[in-house]
Amino acid sequence: MSRSIKKGPYVHESLLKKIDAMNEKNDKKVIKTWSRSSTILPGFVGHTIAVHDGRKHVPVYVTEDMVGHKLGEFAPTRTYRGHGHTERSSSLR
């Protein structure tokens, strides 16, 4: 279910302030954030945002295709290493 149009998209206040300040200065630094639930707005395009995945910050370069999605969608939290393998024992025949 999507968010109400009346409320508008959710973006963490400090993240929005940092992006707006960088847009005014034409600055392109990496911004660290723990706010995975923030929606990507058109003003974020061209910036690199380091999104926390629970262990480290994953750099995400924002493109136009990402507008409307959440930051957390681009920083996976789980790594799949495959199912367990059975050990092969070398037997002499």
C-alpha atoms as a PDB file:
ATOM      1  CA  MET A   1       0.000   0.000   0.000  1.00  0.00           C
ATOM      2  CA  SER A   2       1.433   3.378  -0.957  1.00  0.00           C
ATOM      3  CA  ARG A   3       1.520   6.494   1.161  1.00  0.00           C
ATOM      4  CA  SER A   4      -1.344   9.001   1.047  1.00  0.00           C
ATOM      5  CA  ILE A   5      -1.051  11.747  -1.580  1.00  0.00           C
ATOM      6  CA  LYS A   6      -2.227  14.221   1.048  1.00  0.00           C
ATOM      7  CA  LYS A   7       0.746  13.441   3.305  1.00  0.00           C
ATOM      8  CA  GLY A   8       3.386  13.399   0.592  1.00  0.00           C
ATOM      9  CA  PRO A   9       6.555  11.277   0.443  1.00  0.00           C
ATOM     10  CA  TYR A  10       8.539  10.585   3.616  1.00  0.00           C
ATOM     11  CA  VAL A  11      12.099  11.911   3.714  1.00  0.00           C
ATOM     12  CA  HIS A  12      14.145  12.217   6.913  1.00  0.00           C
ATOM     13  CA  GLU A  13      14.466  15.924   7.802  1.00  0.00           C
ATOM     14  CA  SER A  14      18.250  15.990   8.240  1.00  0.00           C
ATOM     15  CA  LEU A  15      18.796  14.154   4.940  1.00  0.00           C
ATOM     16  CA  LEU A  16      16.580  16.644   3.108  1.00  0.00           C
ATOM     17  CA  LYS A  17      18.445  19.594   4.683  1.00  0.00           C
ATOM     18  CA  LYS A  18      21.818  18.157   3.635  1.00  0.00           C
ATOM     19  CA  ILE A  19      20.667  17.549   0.053  1.00  0.00           C
ATOM     20  CA  ASP A  20      19.148  21.037  -0.247  1.00  0.00           C
ATOM     21  CA  ALA A  21      22.343  22.651   1.089  1.00  0.00           C
ATOM     22  CA  MET A  22      24.461  20.655  -1.366  1.00  0.00           C
ATOM     23  CA  ASN A  23      22.173  21.567  -4.275  1.00  0.00           C
ATOM     24  CA  GLU A  24      22.588  25.277  -3.464  1.00  0.00           C
ATOM     25  CA  LYS A  25      26.401  24.969  -3.397  1.00  0.00           C
ATOM     26  CA  ASN A  26      26.588  22.557  -6.378  1.00  0.00           C
ATOM     27  CA  ASP A  27      28.537  20.203  -4.101  1.00  0.00           C
ATOM     28  CA  LYS A  28      28.691  16.422  -4.676  1.00  0.00           C
ATOM     29  CA  LYS A  29      29.962  14.866  -1.417  1.00  0.00           C
ATOM     30  CA  VAL A  30      28.906  11.441  -0.158  1.00  0.00           C
ATOM     31  CA  ILE A  31      26.146  11.709   2.467  1.00  0.00           C
ATOM     32  CA  LYS A  32      25.939   9.020   5.160  1.00  0.00           C
ATOM     33  CA  THR A  33      22.446   8.086   6.292  1.00  0.00           C
ATOM     34  CA  TRP A  34      20.750   5.451   8.398  1.00  0.00           C
ATOM     35  CA  SER A  35      17.331   6.401   6.993  1.00  0.00           C
ATOM     36  CA  ARG A  36      16.570   3.484   4.673  1.00  0.00           C
ATOM     37  CA  SER A  37      12.870   4.393   4.636  1.00  0.00           C
ATOM     38  CA  SER A  38      13.359   7.806   2.993  1.00  0.00           C
ATOM     39  CA  THR A  39      11.837   8.221  -0.456  1.00  0.00           C
ATOM     40  CA  ILE A  40      14.138   9.347  -3.271  1.00  0.00           C
ATOM     41  CA  LEU A  41      13.049  12.742  -4.624  1.00  0.00           C
ATOM     42  CA  PRO A  42      14.051  14.410  -7.930  1.00  0.00           C
ATOM     43  CA  GLY A  43      16.447  16.693  -6.008  1.00  0.00           C
ATOM     44  CA  PHE A  44      18.534  13.648  -5.021  1.00  0.00           C
ATOM     45  CA  VAL A  45      19.470  12.790  -8.631  1.00  0.00           C
ATOM     46  CA  GLY A  46      23.216  12.965  -9.203  1.00  0.00           C
ATOM     47  CA  HIS A  47      24.162  12.611  -5.538  1.00  0.00           C
ATOM     48  CA  THR A  48      25.849   9.648  -3.876  1.00  0.00           C
ATOM     49  CA  ILE A  49      24.200   8.583  -0.626  1.00  0.00           C
ATOM     50  CA  ALA A  50      25.832   6.024   1.676  1.00  0.00           C
ATOM     51  CA  VAL A  51      22.923   3.929   3.008  1.00  0.00           C
ATOM     52  CA  HIS A  52      23.483   1.789   6.112  1.00  0.00           C
ATOM     53  CA  ASP A  53      22.801  -1.928   5.642  1.00  0.00           C
ATOM     54  CA  GLY A  54      23.180  -2.904   9.296  1.00  0.00           C
ATOM     55  CA  ARG A  55      26.919  -3.489   9.041  1.00  0.00           C
ATOM     56  CA  LYS A  56      28.411  -0.807   6.803  1.00  0.00           C
ATOM     57  CA  HIS A  57      27.375   2.084   4.571  1.00  0.00           C
ATOM     58  CA  VAL A  58      26.734   1.108   0.949  1.00  0.00           C
ATOM     59  CA  PRO A  59      27.275   3.953  -1.570  1.00  0.00           C
ATOM     60  CA  VAL A  60      24.240   4.451  -3.817  1.00  0.00           C
ATOM     61  CA  TYR A  61      24.507   6.783  -6.824  1.00  0.00           C
ATOM     62  CA  VAL A  62      21.009   8.164  -7.445  1.00  0.00           C
ATOM     63  CA  THR A  63      19.718   8.205 -11.039  1.00  0.00           C
ATOM     64  CA  GLU A  64      16.405   9.372 -12.510  1.00  0.00           C
ATOM     65  CA  ASP A  65      15.050   5.809 -12.595  1.00  0.00           C
ATOM     66  CA  MET A  66      15.290   5.585  -8.783  1.00  0.00           C
ATOM     67  CA  VAL A  67      12.938   8.524  -8.079  1.00  0.00           C
ATOM     68  CA  GLY A  68       9.953   7.354  -6.038  1.00  0.00           C
ATOM     69  CA  HIS A  69      11.723   4.314  -4.587  1.00  0.00           C
ATOM     70  CA  LYS A  70      13.104   3.985  -1.052  1.00  0.00           C
ATOM     71  CA  LEU A  71      16.832   4.248  -0.276  1.00  0.00           C
ATOM     72  CA  GLY A  72      16.820   0.849   1.430  1.00  0.00           C
ATOM     73  CA  GLU A  73      15.868  -0.909  -1.805  1.00  0.00           C
ATOM     74  CA  PHE A  74      19.360  -0.282  -3.172  1.00  0.00           C
ATOM     75  CA  ALA A  75      21.349  -1.434  -0.121  1.00  0.00           C
ATOM     76  CA  PRO A  76      20.631  -5.143   0.484  1.00  0.00           C
ATOM     77  CA  THR A  77      20.903  -6.305   4.092  1.00  0.00           C
ATOM     78  CA  ARG A  78      21.351 -10.026   3.499  1.00  0.00           C
ATOM     79  CA  THR A  79      23.984 -11.863   1.506  1.00  0.00           C
ATOM     80  CA  TYR A  80      23.108 -15.240   0.016  1.00  0.00           C
ATOM     81  CA  ARG A  81      26.077 -17.596   0.095  1.00  0.00           C
ATOM     82  CA  GLY A  82      24.309 -20.653  -1.267  1.00  0.00           C
ATOM     83  CA  HIS A  83      22.936 -23.706   0.450  1.00  0.00           C
ATOM     84  CA  GLY A  84      25.155 -25.973   2.503  1.00  0.00           C
ATOM     85  CA  HIS A  85      27.315 -28.405   0.578  1.00  0.00           C
ATOM     86  CA  THR A  86      27.909 -31.995   1.592  1.00  0.00           C
ATOM     87  CA  GLU A  87      31.521 -32.892   2.159  1.00  0.00           C
ATOM     88  CA  ARG A  88      32.828 -35.561  -0.157  1.00  0.00           C
ATOM     89  CA  SER A  89      34.867 -38.150   1.637  1.00  0.00           C
ATOM     90  CA  SER A  90      37.566 -39.815  -0.351  1.00  0.00           C
ATOM     91  CA  SER A  91      37.146 -43.544   0.050  1.00  0.00           C
ATOM     92  CA  LEU A  92      39.451 -46.142  -1.366  1.00  0.00           C
ATOM     93  CA  ARG A  93      37.744 -48.779  -3.468  1.00  0.00           C
END
